[in-house]
Amino acid sequence: MDRRAFLGAFALLAAPGAVEAQQQVPTITIGWLAPESRPDALNPFRQRLGELGWTEGGNLAIVQRYAHGNAEQYPKLAADLVRLKVHILVTDGSPATRAAQRATPTTPIVFVSGNPIAQGFVSNLSRPGWNLTGMSLITGDLNPKRIELLKQTVPSLTRLAILEDRSALGAALQTESWQGIETAARQLGIQLTEARGARKPDDLDGMFTRAVKERAGGALVLASAFFSSQAQQIVSLAARIRLPTIYEHQGFVVVGGLMSYGPSHHETFRRIAEYVDKILKGAKPADLPVEQPTKFELVINLKAAKALGLTIPPSLLQRADQVIE
């Protein structure tokens, strides 16, 4: 076989592999911007994407960026993800969403956030209008129920500390949230004391110190992406001063907190993956209605209750969606 024939035969042998390489699906890159690495958010997101045909290491890559308790990092992190030309930005919490919104007017953003209209993320829920859509966790409406649940658990409760990250709320939301809290507390004969202002992990100890000085018999930790990122520290501080505390979601209870009542994070982030799938298949964020959670979970940690010397009423245990022993 002469040289020309050999090269021709080699080209035929090599051609199938070359065609296969050309037919590989281009990698889609998702930017993930959040306060902290949280398996209860990222794992269900990944799982649902896999069910929809998007797999990491195959046709999908997820580039993760975390603020690690420092909200001032969000603008830099969001800009970094935009520079990487990610196809979609997924944001966890209002500060992350705000930074992403300011970083790009064109890259689709799928968020998990508080009231997105009051925050200025969308024009309305049914037709968001811009490059953002996602899930609205208006958990402030659940605070009266949380106070009621804590009172049932601690019947002697007469003074409640409200732990609040005011950077997470606008003025209108603060007023709305507090009206519900004050009404519920008044009906249950509970006095309120505020412990607010934490912006970094080192501030959290001071919040609990104020609760002790005010002789609080229990605490309600309001919804906050920053608080969620510091769940282990917050739970540890509450346990150290033996303060019965109720939280916004089960992530706090899994790491040792007493109880939580709020939206299912598992279902929320699975739904976020479905938004991403629709956008990757051609849908526009402006046309995808912002949804609110429909499933709410009561989670109770019996080990934490025992450490606090509390007996959970049987009626609450029967209502609980999950009991951690």
Protein backbone atom coordinates (compact mmCIF):
# COMPACT_ATOMS: atom_id res chain seq x y z
CA MET A 1 0.00 0.00 0.00
CA ASP A 2 1.46 3.35 -1.03
CA ARG A 3 1.52 6.37 1.25
CA ARG A 4 -1.54 8.04 -0.33
CA ALA A 5 -3.70 4.92 0.05
CA PHE A 6 -2.55 4.42 3.65
CA LEU A 7 -3.52 7.98 4.61
CA GLY A 8 -6.90 7.54 2.95
CA ALA A 9 -7.57 4.33 4.88
CA PHE A 10 -6.46 5.98 8.12
CA ALA A 11 -8.85 8.87 7.50
CA LEU A 12 -11.74 6.43 7.08
CA LEU A 13 -10.87 4.70 10.33
CA ALA A 14 -10.59 7.99 12.19
CA ALA A 15 -13.75 9.53 10.74
CA PRO A 16 -16.36 7.90 13.05
CA GLY A 17 -14.61 9.22 16.15
CA ALA A 18 -14.31 12.67 14.65
CA VAL A 19 -18.02 12.74 13.73
CA GLU A 20 -18.94 11.56 17.23
CA ALA A 21 -16.86 14.36 18.77
CA GLN A 22 -18.56 16.90 16.53
CA GLN A 23 -21.99 15.63 17.65
CA GLN A 24 -21.34 16.04 21.38
CA VAL A 25 -23.79 18.38 23.07
CA PRO A 26 -22.14 21.70 24.01
CA THR A 27 -21.76 22.21 27.75
CA ILE A 28 -24.28 24.51 29.38
CA THR A 29 -22.91 26.52 32.31
CA ILE A 30 -25.06 27.48 35.28
CA GLY A 31 -23.85 30.14 37.70
CA TRP A 32 -24.85 29.38 41.30
CA LEU A 33 -24.70 32.36 43.69
CA ALA A 34 -25.57 31.74 47.33
CA PRO A 35 -24.64 32.70 50.91
CA GLU A 36 -23.04 29.35 51.70
CA SER A 37 -22.69 25.82 50.34
CA ARG A 38 -25.90 24.02 51.34
CA PRO A 39 -26.55 20.43 50.24
CA ASP A 40 -30.28 20.81 51.03
CA ALA A 41 -30.46 23.34 48.19
CA LEU A 42 -27.89 22.20 45.62
CA ASN A 43 -28.54 18.45 45.81
CA PRO A 44 -32.27 18.53 44.96
CA PHE A 45 -31.49 21.09 42.23
CA ARG A 46 -28.92 18.73 40.70
CA GLN A 47 -31.20 15.72 41.09
CA ARG A 48 -34.10 17.34 39.27
CA LEU A 49 -31.86 18.64 36.49
CA GLY A 50 -30.59 15.09 36.02
CA GLU A 51 -34.14 13.81 35.72
CA LEU A 52 -34.71 16.42 33.02
CA GLY A 53 -31.64 15.35 31.05
CA TRP A 54 -29.01 17.81 32.31
CA THR A 55 -26.03 16.11 33.96
CA GLU A 56 -22.85 17.60 35.38
CA GLY A 57 -19.78 16.39 33.56
CA GLY A 58 -21.93 15.68 30.51
CA ASN A 59 -23.92 18.53 29.02
CA LEU A 60 -23.90 20.74 32.13
CA ALA A 61 -21.47 22.52 34.43
CA ILE A 62 -22.40 24.38 37.64
CA VAL A 63 -20.02 27.16 38.68
CA GLN A 64 -20.54 27.92 42.37
CA ARG A 65 -19.82 31.18 44.17
CA TYR A 66 -20.48 31.83 47.88
CA ALA A 67 -20.42 34.98 50.02
CA HIS A 68 -19.54 33.05 53.22
CA GLY A 69 -21.40 35.42 55.50
CA ASN A 70 -20.06 38.61 53.88
CA ALA A 71 -22.85 40.34 51.91
CA GLU A 72 -20.36 42.84 50.48
CA GLN A 73 -18.92 40.02 48.35
CA TYR A 74 -22.07 39.51 46.28
CA PRO A 75 -21.46 42.22 43.63
CA LYS A 76 -17.95 40.92 42.95
CA LEU A 77 -19.13 37.30 42.79
CA ALA A 78 -22.05 38.13 40.51
CA ALA A 79 -19.79 40.11 38.17
CA ASP A 80 -17.36 37.18 38.08
CA LEU A 81 -20.10 34.79 36.98
CA VAL A 82 -21.27 37.20 34.28
CA ARG A 83 -17.69 37.50 32.98
CA LEU A 84 -17.61 33.71 32.67
CA LYS A 85 -20.59 34.01 30.33
CA VAL A 86 -22.78 31.57 32.22
CA HIS A 87 -26.02 30.75 30.42
CA ILE A 88 -28.21 31.19 33.51
CA LEU A 89 -27.66 32.60 37.01
CA VAL A 90 -29.36 30.86 39.93
CA THR A 91 -29.49 32.97 43.10
CA ASP A 92 -30.37 32.02 46.66
CA GLY A 93 -31.66 34.94 48.72
CA SER A 94 -32.47 38.61 48.11
CA PRO A 95 -28.88 39.97 48.47
CA ALA A 96 -27.58 37.48 45.89
CA THR A 97 -30.48 38.23 43.55
CA ARG A 98 -29.99 41.99 43.85
CA ALA A 99 -26.30 41.67 43.01
CA ALA A 100 -27.06 39.48 39.99
CA GLN A 101 -29.75 41.89 38.79
CA ARG A 102 -27.28 44.78 38.91
CA ALA A 103 -24.56 42.74 37.21
CA THR A 104 -26.54 41.89 34.07
CA PRO A 105 -29.71 43.04 32.32
CA THR A 106 -29.63 40.15 29.83
CA THR A 107 -28.44 36.89 31.41
CA PRO A 108 -31.49 34.94 32.69
CA ILE A 109 -31.70 34.91 36.49
CA VAL A 110 -33.71 32.30 38.39
CA PHE A 111 -34.07 33.24 42.04
CA VAL A 112 -35.25 32.02 45.41
CA SER A 113 -36.09 35.21 47.28
CA GLY A 114 -38.41 37.09 49.56
CA ASN A 115 -41.13 39.28 48.07
CA PRO A 116 -39.68 39.98 44.59
CA ILE A 117 -42.08 42.82 43.78
CA ALA A 118 -41.21 44.80 46.92
CA GLN A 119 -37.53 44.10 46.26
CA GLY A 120 -37.84 45.42 42.69
CA PHE A 121 -36.84 42.15 41.02
CA VAL A 122 -40.02 41.74 38.94
CA SER A 123 -42.89 43.98 37.88
CA ASN A 124 -45.56 41.44 38.83
CA LEU A 125 -45.73 37.73 39.66
CA SER A 126 -47.68 36.53 36.63
CA ARG A 127 -45.47 38.30 34.06
CA PRO A 128 -42.11 39.18 35.63
CA GLY A 129 -41.23 41.46 32.74
CA TRP A 130 -37.41 41.41 32.74
CA ASN A 131 -34.65 38.80 32.86
CA LEU A 132 -35.64 37.42 36.29
CA THR A 133 -38.10 34.81 37.52
CA GLY A 134 -38.20 32.09 40.16
CA MET A 135 -39.71 31.29 43.55
CA SER A 136 -41.03 33.86 46.02
CA LEU A 137 -40.68 32.73 49.63
CA ILE A 138 -42.90 35.21 51.44
CA THR A 139 -42.34 33.44 54.73
CA GLY A 140 -43.17 36.49 56.85
CA ASP A 141 -46.81 35.46 56.55
CA LEU A 142 -45.91 32.33 58.52
CA ASN A 143 -44.46 34.12 61.54
CA PRO A 144 -47.75 34.23 63.49
CA LYS A 145 -48.04 30.46 63.03
CA ARG A 146 -44.44 29.97 64.18
CA ILE A 147 -45.13 31.97 67.35
CA GLU A 148 -48.21 29.85 68.01
CA LEU A 149 -46.23 26.63 67.56
CA LEU A 150 -43.50 27.79 69.92
CA LYS A 151 -46.08 28.81 72.53
CA GLN A 152 -47.63 25.34 72.34
CA THR A 153 -44.18 23.85 72.89
CA VAL A 154 -43.28 26.27 75.72
CA PRO A 155 -46.59 27.09 77.48
CA SER A 156 -44.78 29.31 80.01
CA LEU A 157 -43.46 31.59 77.24
CA THR A 158 -44.25 35.25 78.01
CA ARG A 159 -41.31 37.07 76.39
CA LEU A 160 -40.10 36.34 72.88
CA ALA A 161 -36.90 37.55 71.21
CA ILE A 162 -37.19 38.33 67.49
CA LEU A 163 -33.87 37.78 65.70
CA GLU A 164 -33.92 39.87 62.57
CA ASP A 165 -31.59 40.60 59.68
CA ARG A 166 -32.99 43.93 58.54
CA SER A 167 -30.72 44.03 55.50
CA ALA A 168 -32.92 41.26 54.08
CA LEU A 169 -36.10 43.37 54.16
CA GLY A 170 -37.34 46.61 52.69
CA ALA A 171 -39.18 49.11 54.89
CA ALA A 172 -42.60 48.00 53.61
CA LEU A 173 -41.83 44.37 54.34
CA GLN A 174 -40.56 45.19 57.82
CA THR A 175 -43.83 46.94 58.65
CA GLU A 176 -45.96 44.16 57.16
CA SER A 177 -44.02 41.41 58.89
CA TRP A 178 -44.04 43.14 62.26
CA GLN A 179 -47.76 43.78 62.18
CA GLY A 180 -48.42 40.05 61.96
CA ILE A 181 -45.88 39.28 64.66
CA GLU A 182 -47.25 41.88 67.06
CA THR A 183 -50.85 40.75 66.55
CA ALA A 184 -49.99 37.09 67.17
CA ALA A 185 -47.90 37.91 70.25
CA ARG A 186 -50.62 40.10 71.73
CA GLN A 187 -53.25 37.41 71.28
CA LEU A 188 -51.02 34.88 73.04
CA GLY A 189 -50.02 37.21 75.89
CA ILE A 190 -46.40 37.44 74.78
CA GLN A 191 -44.15 40.50 75.02
CA LEU A 192 -41.63 41.06 72.24
CA THR A 193 -38.02 42.11 72.28
CA GLU A 194 -35.89 42.75 69.20
CA ALA A 195 -32.38 41.52 68.58
CA ARG A 196 -31.29 42.76 65.19
CA GLY A 197 -28.48 44.21 63.14
CA ALA A 198 -26.26 41.17 62.46
CA ARG A 199 -24.41 41.56 59.16
CA LYS A 200 -21.55 39.13 59.68
CA PRO A 201 -20.99 35.94 61.71
CA ASP A 202 -19.19 37.77 64.53
CA ASP A 203 -22.37 39.79 65.22
CA LEU A 204 -24.53 36.78 66.02
CA ASP A 205 -23.27 36.27 69.55
CA GLY A 206 -24.34 39.80 70.44
CA MET A 207 -27.89 39.11 69.26
CA PHE A 208 -28.25 36.21 71.65
CA THR A 209 -26.60 38.19 74.43
CA ARG A 210 -29.32 40.83 74.03
CA ALA A 211 -31.99 38.13 74.16
CA VAL A 212 -30.58 36.93 77.50
CA LYS A 213 -30.45 40.46 78.91
CA GLU A 214 -34.10 40.94 77.95
CA ARG A 215 -34.98 37.69 79.75
CA ALA A 216 -36.51 36.12 76.68
CA GLY A 217 -38.02 32.69 77.20
CA GLY A 218 -37.90 31.82 73.51
CA ALA A 219 -36.80 33.15 70.14
CA LEU A 220 -38.06 33.42 66.57
CA VAL A 221 -35.38 33.64 63.88
CA LEU A 222 -36.84 35.54 60.92
CA ALA A 223 -36.22 34.48 57.33
CA SER A 224 -32.81 35.56 56.04
CA ALA A 225 -30.36 34.15 53.53
CA PHE A 226 -27.55 35.26 55.85
CA PHE A 227 -29.10 33.49 58.85
CA SER A 228 -29.57 30.34 56.76
CA SER A 229 -25.89 30.40 55.83
CA GLN A 230 -25.02 30.57 59.54
CA ALA A 231 -27.49 27.91 60.69
CA GLN A 232 -24.97 25.85 62.66
CA GLN A 233 -23.63 28.84 64.60
CA ILE A 234 -27.11 30.17 65.37
CA VAL A 235 -28.32 26.78 66.59
CA SER A 236 -25.21 26.37 68.74
CA LEU A 237 -25.67 29.81 70.32
CA ALA A 238 -29.34 29.09 71.09
CA ALA A 239 -28.40 25.75 72.66
CA ARG A 240 -25.63 27.33 74.74
CA ILE A 241 -28.06 29.67 76.49
CA ARG A 242 -30.85 27.05 76.48
CA LEU A 243 -33.22 29.27 74.48
CA PRO A 244 -36.12 27.43 72.77
CA THR A 245 -36.07 28.73 69.20
CA ILE A 246 -38.18 28.25 66.09
CA TYR A 247 -36.75 28.73 62.60
CA GLU A 248 -37.89 29.29 59.04
CA HIS A 249 -36.86 25.94 57.52
CA GLN A 250 -35.66 22.46 58.38
CA GLY A 251 -31.99 23.17 57.66
CA PHE A 252 -31.72 24.64 61.17
CA VAL A 253 -33.39 21.62 62.77
CA VAL A 254 -31.23 19.12 60.92
CA VAL A 255 -28.13 20.68 62.55
CA GLY A 256 -29.68 20.59 66.03
CA GLY A 257 -32.33 23.32 66.22
CA LEU A 258 -35.57 22.74 68.14
CA MET A 259 -38.22 23.21 65.46
CA SER A 260 -39.06 24.89 62.16
CA TYR A 261 -42.08 25.73 60.08
CA GLY A 262 -41.77 26.86 56.51
CA PRO A 263 -41.54 25.95 52.83
CA SER A 264 -39.90 22.70 51.81
CA HIS A 265 -36.40 23.57 50.58
CA HIS A 266 -36.22 20.24 48.79
CA GLU A 267 -39.31 21.01 46.71
CA THR A 268 -38.34 24.65 46.19
CA PHE A 269 -34.99 23.90 44.59
CA ARG A 270 -36.39 21.05 42.51
CA ARG A 271 -38.83 23.60 41.12
CA ILE A 272 -35.96 26.02 40.44
CA ALA A 273 -34.35 23.31 38.30
CA GLU A 274 -37.55 23.13 36.25
CA TYR A 275 -37.33 26.87 35.58
CA VAL A 276 -33.75 26.41 34.39
CA ASP A 277 -34.81 23.57 32.10
CA LYS A 278 -37.56 25.68 30.51
CA ILE A 279 -35.21 28.60 29.88
CA LEU A 280 -32.56 26.34 28.37
CA LYS A 281 -35.24 25.04 26.02
CA GLY A 282 -36.12 28.53 24.84
CA ALA A 283 -38.54 30.09 27.34
CA LYS A 284 -37.98 33.70 28.41
CA PRO A 285 -37.81 34.58 32.13
CA ALA A 286 -40.15 37.52 31.49
CA ASP A 287 -42.88 35.06 30.46
CA LEU A 288 -42.46 32.54 33.30
CA PRO A 289 -44.70 33.40 36.30
CA VAL A 290 -43.03 33.67 39.68
CA GLU A 291 -44.38 30.91 41.91
CA GLN A 292 -44.91 30.65 45.64
CA PRO A 293 -44.43 27.43 47.62
CA THR A 294 -47.44 25.24 48.19
CA LYS A 295 -45.89 22.76 50.62
CA PHE A 296 -45.01 23.80 54.18
CA GLU A 297 -43.31 21.55 56.72
CA LEU A 298 -43.27 21.35 60.50
CA VAL A 299 -40.02 19.71 61.62
CA ILE A 300 -39.23 18.89 65.26
CA ASN A 301 -35.98 17.73 66.84
CA LEU A 302 -36.72 15.57 69.88
CA LYS A 303 -33.08 15.43 70.96
CA ALA A 304 -32.97 19.24 71.10
CA ALA A 305 -36.25 19.28 73.03
CA LYS A 306 -34.86 16.84 75.58
CA ALA A 307 -31.71 18.95 76.04
CA LEU A 308 -33.96 21.93 76.80
CA GLY A 309 -36.09 19.93 79.22
CA LEU A 310 -39.16 20.25 76.99
CA THR A 311 -41.88 17.72 76.27
CA ILE A 312 -43.37 18.16 72.82
CA PRO A 313 -47.19 17.93 72.96
CA PRO A 314 -48.52 14.79 71.22
CA SER A 315 -50.76 16.97 69.06
CA LEU A 316 -47.69 18.69 67.58
CA LEU A 317 -45.88 15.42 67.01
CA GLN A 318 -48.87 14.10 65.11
CA ARG A 319 -48.90 17.20 62.90
CA ALA A 320 -45.15 17.17 62.25
CA ASP A 321 -43.98 16.33 58.75
CA GLN A 322 -40.65 15.16 60.13
CA VAL A 323 -39.51 14.22 63.63
CA ILE A 324 -35.76 13.99 64.19
CA GLU A 325 -34.75 11.66 67.00
